[in-house]
């Protein structure tokens, strides 16, 4: 959202980016202009962006909350070890996509599939616990999802609550401590005293305890200082390219998200307005004007 507001003292606050703009653009106006630049995104293009080898697929999905439909005939494809970033104005349905994949919405019609080639599983009706335990999909919530009074170590153990034996969660936690010394040094500290960047690292790490194949990442940079934003995206880059994770992300810092991701979708009113590689969207002047601050 390229919206800008005055803070107390005359300081300006911006939406998707850190660059001040002269013009004030409301959410409704961003949505209206995004609709004007929307194009019909054929299934063929969605498939090509996933190299015609999707690991996670959404087919003609209509979904929402209660009786309210948020997503309309929505399609998505991401290949193994790819990353996709969803951007768009507030209320466009970005987080609803993650919620639908993980089992937090009402599905009115359509399918959500996971698997390679012909070996695909329809996971549309599975619960969130079933998706985490049986299909390797983990959801990394927005900020403030740690248990502040528990230690770092105990928070990691909570990530393995679906494991058959507590010992397995403890073994997985030790692997994470061996990988991230920053957490290991604070294993006995209460999570509530961690810095913003450390909390985000803990949230990501807790999701890794179940050794998922797919990470649903909701607003990884929200509330973080720039140095911690870089750290979080470096961690996500390593998880994708070093450990082979598939990442589907919603990111309010559209520039950072598209620089990171292989694929980008611009969402407007529960539909895909534009789809392309991350680089293509970064170079699109209309995307830049509305979402990148330039």
C-alpha atoms as a PDB file:
ATOM      1  CA  UNK A   1       0.000   0.000   0.000  1.00  0.00           C
ATOM      2  CA  UNK A   2       1.467   3.331  -1.017  1.00  0.00           C
ATOM      3  CA  UNK A   3      -0.511   5.203   1.615  1.00  0.00           C
ATOM      4  CA  UNK A   4       1.166   8.008   3.534  1.00  0.00           C
ATOM      5  CA  UNK A   5       0.076   9.610   6.817  1.00  0.00           C
ATOM      6  CA  UNK A   6       1.359  12.336   9.085  1.00  0.00           C
ATOM      7  CA  UNK A   7       2.625  11.205  12.438  1.00  0.00           C
ATOM      8  CA  UNK A   8       2.673  13.477  15.489  1.00  0.00           C
ATOM      9  CA  UNK A   9       5.393  16.070  15.099  1.00  0.00           C
ATOM     10  CA  UNK A  10       5.025  16.245  11.330  1.00  0.00           C
ATOM     11  CA  UNK A  11       6.938  13.030  10.644  1.00  0.00           C
ATOM     12  CA  UNK A  12       5.674  11.090   7.638  1.00  0.00           C
ATOM     13  CA  UNK A  13       4.813   7.418   7.649  1.00  0.00           C
ATOM     14  CA  UNK A  14       4.772   5.414   4.467  1.00  0.00           C
ATOM     15  CA  UNK A  15       3.208   2.120   3.514  1.00  0.00           C
ATOM     16  CA  UNK A  16       5.045  -0.522   1.528  1.00  0.00           C
ATOM     17  CA  UNK A  17       8.382   1.224   1.426  1.00  0.00           C
ATOM     18  CA  UNK A  18      10.721   3.587   3.210  1.00  0.00           C
ATOM     19  CA  UNK A  19      10.588   6.345   0.579  1.00  0.00           C
ATOM     20  CA  UNK A  20       8.400   9.366   1.234  1.00  0.00           C
ATOM     21  CA  UNK A  21       6.045  10.413  -1.535  1.00  0.00           C
ATOM     22  CA  UNK A  22       4.450  13.771  -2.142  1.00  0.00           C
ATOM     23  CA  UNK A  23       1.043  12.442  -3.109  1.00  0.00           C
ATOM     24  CA  UNK A  24      -1.208  10.717  -0.585  1.00  0.00           C
ATOM     25  CA  UNK A  25      -2.793   7.586  -2.065  1.00  0.00           C
ATOM     26  CA  UNK A  26      -5.551   5.913  -0.081  1.00  0.00           C
ATOM     27  CA  UNK A  27      -6.080   2.173   0.094  1.00  0.00           C
ATOM     28  CA  UNK A  28      -9.220   2.497  -2.006  1.00  0.00           C
ATOM     29  CA  UNK A  29      -7.356   4.501  -4.641  1.00  0.00           C
ATOM     30  CA  UNK A  30      -4.502   1.991  -4.758  1.00  0.00           C
ATOM     31  CA  UNK A  31      -7.079  -0.764  -5.210  1.00  0.00           C
ATOM     32  CA  UNK A  32      -8.881   1.168  -7.949  1.00  0.00           C
ATOM     33  CA  UNK A  33      -5.698   1.885  -9.876  1.00  0.00           C
ATOM     34  CA  UNK A  34      -4.461  -1.688  -9.419  1.00  0.00           C
ATOM     35  CA  UNK A  35      -7.732  -2.966 -10.883  1.00  0.00           C
ATOM     36  CA  UNK A  36      -7.232  -0.704 -13.897  1.00  0.00           C
ATOM     37  CA  UNK A  37      -3.832  -2.202 -14.634  1.00  0.00           C
ATOM     38  CA  UNK A  38      -5.005  -5.766 -13.990  1.00  0.00           C
ATOM     39  CA  UNK A  39      -4.679  -8.274 -16.778  1.00  0.00           C
ATOM     40  CA  UNK A  40      -6.182 -11.675 -17.308  1.00  0.00           C
ATOM     41  CA  UNK A  41      -3.597 -14.114 -15.990  1.00  0.00           C
ATOM     42  CA  UNK A  42      -4.032 -17.393 -17.890  1.00  0.00           C
ATOM     43  CA  UNK A  43      -3.411 -20.717 -16.184  1.00  0.00           C
ATOM     44  CA  UNK A  44      -0.694 -21.323 -18.782  1.00  0.00           C
ATOM     45  CA  UNK A  45       1.330 -18.389 -17.437  1.00  0.00           C
ATOM     46  CA  UNK A  46       0.823 -19.495 -13.826  1.00  0.00           C
ATOM     47  CA  UNK A  47       2.121 -22.943 -14.822  1.00  0.00           C
ATOM     48  CA  UNK A  48       5.086 -21.572 -16.768  1.00  0.00           C
ATOM     49  CA  UNK A  49       6.221 -19.516 -13.762  1.00  0.00           C
ATOM     50  CA  UNK A  50       6.341 -22.801 -11.830  1.00  0.00           C
ATOM     51  CA  UNK A  51       8.321 -24.435 -14.682  1.00  0.00           C
ATOM     52  CA  UNK A  52       5.231 -26.556 -15.452  1.00  0.00           C
ATOM     53  CA  UNK A  53       6.193 -28.698 -12.451  1.00  0.00           C
ATOM     54  CA  UNK A  54       4.167 -27.403  -9.493  1.00  0.00           C
ATOM     55  CA  UNK A  55       4.641 -28.839  -6.032  1.00  0.00           C
ATOM     56  CA  UNK A  56       1.917 -26.695  -4.429  1.00  0.00           C
ATOM     57  CA  UNK A  57      -1.159 -25.911  -6.537  1.00  0.00           C
ATOM     58  CA  UNK A  58      -4.373 -24.013  -5.926  1.00  0.00           C
ATOM     59  CA  UNK A  59      -7.083 -24.599  -8.516  1.00  0.00           C
ATOM     60  CA  UNK A  60     -10.086 -22.296  -8.968  1.00  0.00           C
ATOM     61  CA  UNK A  61     -10.346 -21.607  -5.264  1.00  0.00           C
ATOM     62  CA  UNK A  62     -13.228 -19.691  -3.727  1.00  0.00           C
ATOM     63  CA  UNK A  63     -12.617 -19.208  -0.015  1.00  0.00           C
ATOM     64  CA  UNK A  64     -13.182 -16.854   2.882  1.00  0.00           C
ATOM     65  CA  UNK A  65     -14.427 -16.543   6.445  1.00  0.00           C
ATOM     66  CA  UNK A  66     -17.911 -17.477   7.591  1.00  0.00           C
ATOM     67  CA  UNK A  67     -20.123 -16.831   4.598  1.00  0.00           C
ATOM     68  CA  UNK A  68     -17.905 -14.053   3.216  1.00  0.00           C
ATOM     69  CA  UNK A  69     -15.980 -14.999   0.089  1.00  0.00           C
ATOM     70  CA  UNK A  70     -12.568 -13.305  -0.144  1.00  0.00           C
ATOM     71  CA  UNK A  71     -10.799 -15.309  -2.872  1.00  0.00           C
ATOM     72  CA  UNK A  72     -12.500 -15.657  -6.245  1.00  0.00           C
ATOM     73  CA  UNK A  73     -11.519 -18.386  -8.727  1.00  0.00           C
ATOM     74  CA  UNK A  74      -7.942 -18.121  -7.481  1.00  0.00           C
ATOM     75  CA  UNK A  75      -5.094 -20.148  -9.008  1.00  0.00           C
ATOM     76  CA  UNK A  76      -1.525 -20.581  -7.798  1.00  0.00           C
ATOM     77  CA  UNK A  77       1.415 -22.821  -8.682  1.00  0.00           C
ATOM     78  CA  UNK A  78       4.841 -23.055  -7.057  1.00  0.00           C
ATOM     79  CA  UNK A  79       7.516 -25.602  -7.862  1.00  0.00           C
ATOM     80  CA  UNK A  80       9.730 -27.362  -5.327  1.00  0.00           C
ATOM     81  CA  UNK A  81      12.464 -25.082  -3.974  1.00  0.00           C
ATOM     82  CA  UNK A  82      10.792 -22.008  -5.482  1.00  0.00           C
ATOM     83  CA  UNK A  83       9.624 -18.907  -3.646  1.00  0.00           C
ATOM     84  CA  UNK A  84       6.522 -16.839  -4.354  1.00  0.00           C
ATOM     85  CA  UNK A  85       5.736 -13.418  -2.910  1.00  0.00           C
ATOM     86  CA  UNK A  86       2.178 -12.076  -2.725  1.00  0.00           C
ATOM     87  CA  UNK A  87       1.797  -8.293  -2.721  1.00  0.00           C
ATOM     88  CA  UNK A  88      -1.158  -5.953  -3.043  1.00  0.00           C
ATOM     89  CA  UNK A  89      -3.233  -3.400  -1.129  1.00  0.00           C
ATOM     90  CA  UNK A  90      -4.671  -4.117   2.289  1.00  0.00           C
ATOM     91  CA  UNK A  91      -7.729  -6.340   2.054  1.00  0.00           C
ATOM     92  CA  UNK A  92      -6.676  -7.899  -1.253  1.00  0.00           C
ATOM     93  CA  UNK A  93      -6.731 -11.436   0.170  1.00  0.00           C
ATOM     94  CA  UNK A  94      -3.002 -12.089   0.521  1.00  0.00           C
ATOM     95  CA  UNK A  95      -3.045 -13.599   4.000  1.00  0.00           C
ATOM     96  CA  UNK A  96      -6.287 -15.394   3.151  1.00  0.00           C
ATOM     97  CA  UNK A  97      -4.302 -17.422   0.611  1.00  0.00           C
ATOM     98  CA  UNK A  98      -1.908 -18.593   3.320  1.00  0.00           C
ATOM     99  CA  UNK A  99      -4.827 -19.248   5.658  1.00  0.00           C
ATOM    100  CA  UNK A 100      -6.587 -21.297   2.994  1.00  0.00           C
ATOM    101  CA  UNK A 101      -3.535 -23.426   2.261  1.00  0.00           C
ATOM    102  CA  UNK A 102      -3.068 -24.126   5.971  1.00  0.00           C
ATOM    103  CA  UNK A 103      -6.719 -24.760   6.773  1.00  0.00           C
ATOM    104  CA  UNK A 104      -7.892 -21.583   8.494  1.00  0.00           C
ATOM    105  CA  UNK A 105     -10.676 -20.574   6.065  1.00  0.00           C
ATOM    106  CA  UNK A 106     -13.933 -21.897   4.675  1.00  0.00           C
ATOM    107  CA  UNK A 107     -13.409 -23.407   1.228  1.00  0.00           C
ATOM    108  CA  UNK A 108     -16.512 -22.931  -0.911  1.00  0.00           C
ATOM    109  CA  UNK A 109     -15.102 -24.553  -4.038  1.00  0.00           C
ATOM    110  CA  UNK A 110     -11.793 -25.424  -5.682  1.00  0.00           C
ATOM    111  CA  UNK A 111      -8.797 -27.529  -4.673  1.00  0.00           C
ATOM    112  CA  UNK A 112      -5.456 -27.274  -2.917  1.00  0.00           C
ATOM    113  CA  UNK A 113      -2.933 -29.905  -4.003  1.00  0.00           C
ATOM    114  CA  UNK A 114       0.578 -30.869  -2.962  1.00  0.00           C
ATOM    115  CA  UNK A 115       2.996 -33.302  -4.552  1.00  0.00           C
ATOM    116  CA  UNK A 116       5.179 -33.935  -7.591  1.00  0.00           C
ATOM    117  CA  UNK A 117       3.976 -34.974 -11.039  1.00  0.00           C
ATOM    118  CA  UNK A 118       1.108 -37.428 -10.920  1.00  0.00           C
ATOM    119  CA  UNK A 119       1.708 -38.115  -7.226  1.00  0.00           C
ATOM    120  CA  UNK A 120      -0.423 -35.240  -5.949  1.00  0.00           C
ATOM    121  CA  UNK A 121      -2.525 -35.220  -2.808  1.00  0.00           C
ATOM    122  CA  UNK A 122      -5.736 -33.218  -2.431  1.00  0.00           C
ATOM    123  CA  UNK A 123      -5.300 -31.496   0.933  1.00  0.00           C
ATOM    124  CA  UNK A 124      -8.237 -29.103   0.654  1.00  0.00           C
ATOM    125  CA  UNK A 125     -10.203 -30.605   3.534  1.00  0.00           C
ATOM    126  CA  UNK A 126      -7.339 -31.418   5.904  1.00  0.00           C
ATOM    127  CA  UNK A 127      -6.973 -29.621   9.215  1.00  0.00           C
ATOM    128  CA  UNK A 128      -3.980 -27.425  10.002  1.00  0.00           C
ATOM    129  CA  UNK A 129      -2.525 -30.125  12.263  1.00  0.00           C
ATOM    130  CA  UNK A 130      -2.915 -32.749   9.545  1.00  0.00           C
ATOM    131  CA  UNK A 131      -1.218 -30.491   7.019  1.00  0.00           C
ATOM    132  CA  UNK A 132       1.721 -29.880   9.336  1.00  0.00           C
ATOM    133  CA  UNK A 133       2.115 -33.489  10.425  1.00  0.00           C
ATOM    134  CA  UNK A 134       1.284 -35.354   7.198  1.00  0.00           C
ATOM    135  CA  UNK A 135       2.089 -33.028   4.288  1.00  0.00           C
ATOM    136  CA  UNK A 136       5.016 -30.948   5.573  1.00  0.00           C
ATOM    137  CA  UNK A 137       3.364 -27.515   5.425  1.00  0.00           C
ATOM    138  CA  UNK A 138       4.286 -25.060   8.195  1.00  0.00           C
ATOM    139  CA  UNK A 139       2.821 -21.628   8.824  1.00  0.00           C
ATOM    140  CA  UNK A 140       5.045 -18.869  10.233  1.00  0.00           C
ATOM    141  CA  UNK A 141       2.725 -16.303  11.759  1.00  0.00           C
ATOM    142  CA  UNK A 142       3.181 -12.567  11.854  1.00  0.00           C
ATOM    143  CA  UNK A 143       5.086 -10.991  14.741  1.00  0.00           C
ATOM    144  CA  UNK A 144       4.303 -11.673  18.414  1.00  0.00           C
ATOM    145  CA  UNK A 145       3.609 -15.385  18.125  1.00  0.00           C
ATOM    146  CA  UNK A 146       6.300 -16.495  20.583  1.00  0.00           C
ATOM    147  CA  UNK A 147       5.436 -17.469  24.152  1.00  0.00           C
ATOM    148  CA  UNK A 148       7.188 -14.612  26.008  1.00  0.00           C
ATOM    149  CA  UNK A 149       7.352 -16.216  29.460  1.00  0.00           C
ATOM    150  CA  UNK A 150       8.812 -19.470  28.107  1.00  0.00           C
ATOM    151  CA  UNK A 151      12.499 -19.851  27.369  1.00  0.00           C
ATOM    152  CA  UNK A 152      13.853 -19.957  23.841  1.00  0.00           C
ATOM    153  CA  UNK A 153      14.387 -23.683  24.277  1.00  0.00           C
ATOM    154  CA  UNK A 154      10.820 -24.271  25.488  1.00  0.00           C
ATOM    155  CA  UNK A 155       9.451 -22.281  22.538  1.00  0.00           C
ATOM    156  CA  UNK A 156      11.310 -24.584  20.170  1.00  0.00           C
ATOM    157  CA  UNK A 157       9.967 -27.656  21.962  1.00  0.00           C
ATOM    158  CA  UNK A 158       6.459 -26.271  21.406  1.00  0.00           C
ATOM    159  CA  UNK A 159       7.137 -26.445  17.670  1.00  0.00           C
ATOM    160  CA  UNK A 160       7.180 -30.230  17.997  1.00  0.00           C
ATOM    161  CA  UNK A 161       3.877 -30.564  19.840  1.00  0.00           C
ATOM    162  CA  UNK A 162       2.590 -32.944  17.146  1.00  0.00           C
ATOM    163  CA  UNK A 163       5.532 -35.317  17.466  1.00  0.00           C
ATOM    164  CA  UNK A 164       4.935 -38.752  18.996  1.00  0.00           C
ATOM    165  CA  UNK A 165       7.583 -38.303  21.682  1.00  0.00           C
ATOM    166  CA  UNK A 166       8.890 -35.148  23.412  1.00  0.00           C
ATOM    167  CA  UNK A 167      12.438 -36.432  22.889  1.00  0.00           C
ATOM    168  CA  UNK A 168      12.038 -35.941  19.138  1.00  0.00           C
ATOM    169  CA  UNK A 169      11.203 -32.280  19.604  1.00  0.00           C
ATOM    170  CA  UNK A 170      14.237 -31.852  21.837  1.00  0.00           C
ATOM    171  CA  UNK A 171      16.482 -33.512  19.246  1.00  0.00           C
ATOM    172  CA  UNK A 172      15.105 -31.203  16.536  1.00  0.00           C
ATOM    173  CA  UNK A 173      15.691 -28.200  18.801  1.00  0.00           C
ATOM    174  CA  UNK A 174      19.337 -29.188  19.238  1.00  0.00           C
ATOM    175  CA  UNK A 175      19.770 -29.276  15.459  1.00  0.00           C
ATOM    176  CA  UNK A 176      18.409 -25.753  15.279  1.00  0.00           C
ATOM    177  CA  UNK A 177      20.719 -24.576  18.074  1.00  0.00           C
ATOM    178  CA  UNK A 178      23.676 -26.033  16.177  1.00  0.00           C
ATOM    179  CA  UNK A 179      22.627 -24.066  13.089  1.00  0.00           C
ATOM    180  CA  UNK A 180      21.760 -20.747  14.752  1.00  0.00           C
ATOM    181  CA  UNK A 181      24.293 -19.844  17.450  1.00  0.00           C
ATOM    182  CA  UNK A 182      22.349 -16.646  18.157  1.00  0.00           C
ATOM    183  CA  UNK A 183      19.526 -18.767  19.566  1.00  0.00           C
ATOM    184  CA  UNK A 184      21.846 -21.260  21.254  1.00  0.00           C
ATOM    185  CA  UNK A 185      23.432 -18.455  23.263  1.00  0.00           C
ATOM    186  CA  UNK A 186      19.978 -17.486  24.518  1.00  0.00           C
ATOM    187  CA  UNK A 187      18.416 -20.913  24.995  1.00  0.00           C
ATOM    188  CA  UNK A 188      17.643 -20.318  28.702  1.00  0.00           C
ATOM    189  CA  UNK A 189      16.486 -16.715  28.244  1.00  0.00           C
ATOM    190  CA  UNK A 190      12.796 -15.862  28.317  1.00  0.00           C
ATOM    191  CA  UNK A 191      11.621 -15.274  24.746  1.00  0.00           C
ATOM    192  CA  UNK A 192      10.062 -11.995  25.828  1.00  0.00           C
ATOM    193  CA  UNK A 193      13.476 -10.338  26.297  1.00  0.00           C
ATOM    194  CA  UNK A 194      14.720 -11.112  22.778  1.00  0.00           C
ATOM    195  CA  UNK A 195      15.218  -8.390  20.201  1.00  0.00           C
ATOM    196  CA  UNK A 196      12.751  -8.137  17.326  1.00  0.00           C
ATOM    197  CA  UNK A 197      15.120  -9.906  14.954  1.00  0.00           C
ATOM    198  CA  UNK A 198      15.808 -12.680  17.448  1.00  0.00           C
ATOM    199  CA  UNK A 199      12.087 -13.219  18.015  1.00  0.00           C
ATOM    200  CA  UNK A 200      11.536 -13.538  14.284  1.00  0.00           C
ATOM    201  CA  UNK A 201      14.400 -16.036  14.058  1.00  0.00           C
ATOM    202  CA  UNK A 202      12.779 -17.997  16.896  1.00  0.00           C
ATOM    203  CA  UNK A 203       9.398 -17.963  15.118  1.00  0.00           C
ATOM    204  CA  UNK A 204      10.975 -19.275  11.924  1.00  0.00           C
ATOM    205  CA  UNK A 205      13.033 -21.855  13.808  1.00  0.00           C
ATOM    206  CA  UNK A 206      10.042 -23.131  15.763  1.00  0.00           C
ATOM    207  CA  UNK A 207       8.303 -23.873  12.462  1.00  0.00           C
ATOM    208  CA  UNK A 208      11.371 -25.868  11.359  1.00  0.00           C
ATOM    209  CA  UNK A 209      11.124 -28.323  14.246  1.00  0.00           C
ATOM    210  CA  UNK A 210       8.643 -30.455  12.274  1.00  0.00           C
ATOM    211  CA  UNK A 211      11.033 -30.414   9.281  1.00  0.00           C
ATOM    212  CA  UNK A 212       8.476 -29.043   6.795  1.00  0.00           C
ATOM    213  CA  UNK A 213       8.895 -28.952   3.026  1.00  0.00           C
ATOM    214  CA  UNK A 214       6.712 -25.863   2.521  1.00  0.00           C
ATOM    215  CA  UNK A 215       6.897 -22.637   4.532  1.00  0.00           C
ATOM    216  CA  UNK A 216       3.981 -20.203   4.565  1.00  0.00           C
ATOM    217  CA  UNK A 217       5.534 -16.946   5.756  1.00  0.00           C
ATOM    218  CA  UNK A 218       3.264 -14.070   6.784  1.00  0.00           C
ATOM    219  CA  UNK A 219       4.898 -10.613   6.803  1.00  0.00           C
ATOM    220  CA  UNK A 220       8.466 -11.603   7.805  1.00  0.00           C
ATOM    221  CA  UNK A 221       9.721  -8.010   7.892  1.00  0.00           C
ATOM    222  CA  UNK A 222       6.865  -6.401   9.810  1.00  0.00           C
ATOM    223  CA  UNK A 223       8.017  -4.314  12.760  1.00  0.00           C
ATOM    224  CA  UNK A 224      11.725  -4.988  12.212  1.00  0.00           C
ATOM    225  CA  UNK A 225      14.663  -2.605  11.899  1.00  0.00           C
ATOM    226  CA  UNK A 226      16.389  -2.707   8.470  1.00  0.00           C
ATOM    227  CA  UNK A 227      19.386  -4.721   9.768  1.00  0.00           C
ATOM    228  CA  UNK A 228      17.058  -7.408  11.098  1.00  0.00           C
ATOM    229  CA  UNK A 229      15.036  -7.417   7.881  1.00  0.00           C
ATOM    230  CA  UNK A 230      18.206  -8.272   5.968  1.00  0.00           C
ATOM    231  CA  UNK A 231      19.007 -11.019   8.472  1.00  0.00           C
ATOM    232  CA  UNK A 232      15.546 -12.588   8.139  1.00  0.00           C
ATOM    233  CA  UNK A 233      15.696 -12.617   4.351  1.00  0.00           C
ATOM    234  CA  UNK A 234      19.177 -14.145   4.462  1.00  0.00           C
ATOM    235  CA  UNK A 235      17.760 -16.930   6.647  1.00  0.00           C
ATOM    236  CA  UNK A 236      14.857 -17.484   4.249  1.00  0.00           C
ATOM    237  CA  UNK A 237      17.284 -17.505   1.305  1.00  0.00           C
ATOM    238  CA  UNK A 238      19.325 -20.218   3.010  1.00  0.00           C
ATOM    239  CA  UNK A 239      16.190 -22.252   3.757  1.00  0.00           C
ATOM    240  CA  UNK A 240      15.158 -22.123   0.101  1.00  0.00           C
ATOM    241  CA  UNK A 241      18.496 -22.525  -1.632  1.00  0.00           C
ATOM    242  CA  UNK A 242      20.445 -24.393   1.045  1.00  0.00           C
ATOM    243  CA  UNK A 243      17.763 -26.684   2.441  1.00  0.00           C
ATOM    244  CA  UNK A 244      15.393 -26.904  -0.522  1.00  0.00           C
ATOM    245  CA  UNK A 245      12.314 -25.404   1.123  1.00  0.00           C
ATOM    246  CA  UNK A 246       9.403 -24.109  -0.937  1.00  0.00           C
ATOM    247  CA  UNK A 247       8.319 -20.681   0.311  1.00  0.00           C
ATOM    248  CA  UNK A 248       5.026 -18.837  -0.177  1.00  0.00           C
ATOM    249  CA  UNK A 249       5.193 -15.407   1.382  1.00  0.00           C
ATOM    250  CA  UNK A 250       3.052 -12.358   2.044  1.00  0.00           C
ATOM    251  CA  UNK A 251       5.252  -9.285   2.435  1.00  0.00           C
ATOM    252  CA  UNK A 252       4.284  -5.649   3.062  1.00  0.00           C
ATOM    253  CA  UNK A 253       7.761  -4.516   1.999  1.00  0.00           C
ATOM    254  CA  UNK A 254       6.997  -5.290  -1.637  1.00  0.00           C
ATOM    255  CA  UNK A 255      10.433  -4.331  -2.952  1.00  0.00           C
ATOM    256  CA  UNK A 256      12.230  -6.604  -0.513  1.00  0.00           C
ATOM    257  CA  UNK A 257       9.800  -9.441  -1.120  1.00  0.00           C
ATOM    258  CA  UNK A 258      10.069  -9.278  -4.909  1.00  0.00           C
ATOM    259  CA  UNK A 259      13.863  -9.004  -4.774  1.00  0.00           C
ATOM    260  CA  UNK A 260      13.845 -12.242  -2.788  1.00  0.00           C
ATOM    261  CA  UNK A 261      11.190 -14.241  -4.627  1.00  0.00           C
ATOM    262  CA  UNK A 262      11.334 -16.206  -7.863  1.00  0.00           C
ATOM    263  CA  UNK A 263       7.668 -15.425  -8.566  1.00  0.00           C
ATOM    264  CA  UNK A 264       5.424 -12.484  -7.687  1.00  0.00           C
ATOM    265  CA  UNK A 265       1.656 -12.122  -7.747  1.00  0.00           C
ATOM    266  CA  UNK A 266      -0.149  -8.795  -7.334  1.00  0.00           C
ATOM    267  CA  UNK A 267      -3.474  -9.453  -5.588  1.00  0.00           C
ATOM    268  CA  UNK A 268      -6.476  -7.161  -5.947  1.00  0.00           C
ATOM    269  CA  UNK A 269      -9.906  -7.910  -4.457  1.00  0.00           C
ATOM    270  CA  UNK A 270      -9.211 -11.613  -4.065  1.00  0.00           C
ATOM    271  CA  UNK A 271      -7.927 -12.146  -7.610  1.00  0.00           C
ATOM    272  CA  UNK A 272      -4.516 -12.151  -9.295  1.00  0.00           C
ATOM    273  CA  UNK A 273      -4.095  -8.870 -11.146  1.00  0.00           C
ATOM    274  CA  UNK A 274      -0.534  -9.458 -12.374  1.00  0.00           C
ATOM    275  CA  UNK A 275       1.795 -12.462 -12.232  1.00  0.00           C
ATOM    276  CA  UNK A 276       5.429 -12.652 -13.264  1.00  0.00           C
ATOM    277  CA  UNK A 277       8.911 -13.295 -12.039  1.00  0.00           C
ATOM    278  CA  UNK A 278      10.037 -11.175  -9.114  1.00  0.00           C
ATOM    279  CA  UNK A 279      12.313  -9.228 -11.459  1.00  0.00           C
ATOM    280  CA  UNK A 280       9.497  -8.600 -13.952  1.00  0.00           C
ATOM    281  CA  UNK A 281       7.293  -7.098 -11.271  1.00  0.00           C
ATOM    282  CA  UNK A 282      10.151  -4.967  -9.956  1.00  0.00           C
ATOM    283  CA  UNK A 283      10.629  -3.566 -13.457  1.00  0.00           C
ATOM    284  CA  UNK A 284       6.900  -2.967 -14.050  1.00  0.00           C
ATOM    285  CA  UNK A 285       6.428   0.840 -13.777  1.00  0.00           C
ATOM    286  CA  UNK A 286       2.830   0.581 -12.561  1.00  0.00           C
ATOM    287  CA  UNK A 287       3.757  -1.922  -9.853  1.00  0.00           C
ATOM    288  CA  UNK A 288       6.614   0.380  -8.927  1.00  0.00           C
ATOM    289  CA  UNK A 289       4.374   3.451  -8.734  1.00  0.00           C
ATOM    290  CA  UNK A 290       1.717   1.798  -6.565  1.00  0.00           C
ATOM    291  CA  UNK A 291       3.703  -0.576  -4.396  1.00  0.00           C
ATOM    292  CA  UNK A 292       7.433   0.187  -4.552  1.00  0.00           C
ATOM    293  CA  UNK A 293       7.477   3.904  -3.929  1.00  0.00           C
ATOM    294  CA  UNK A 294       8.711   5.014  -7.318  1.00  0.00           C
END
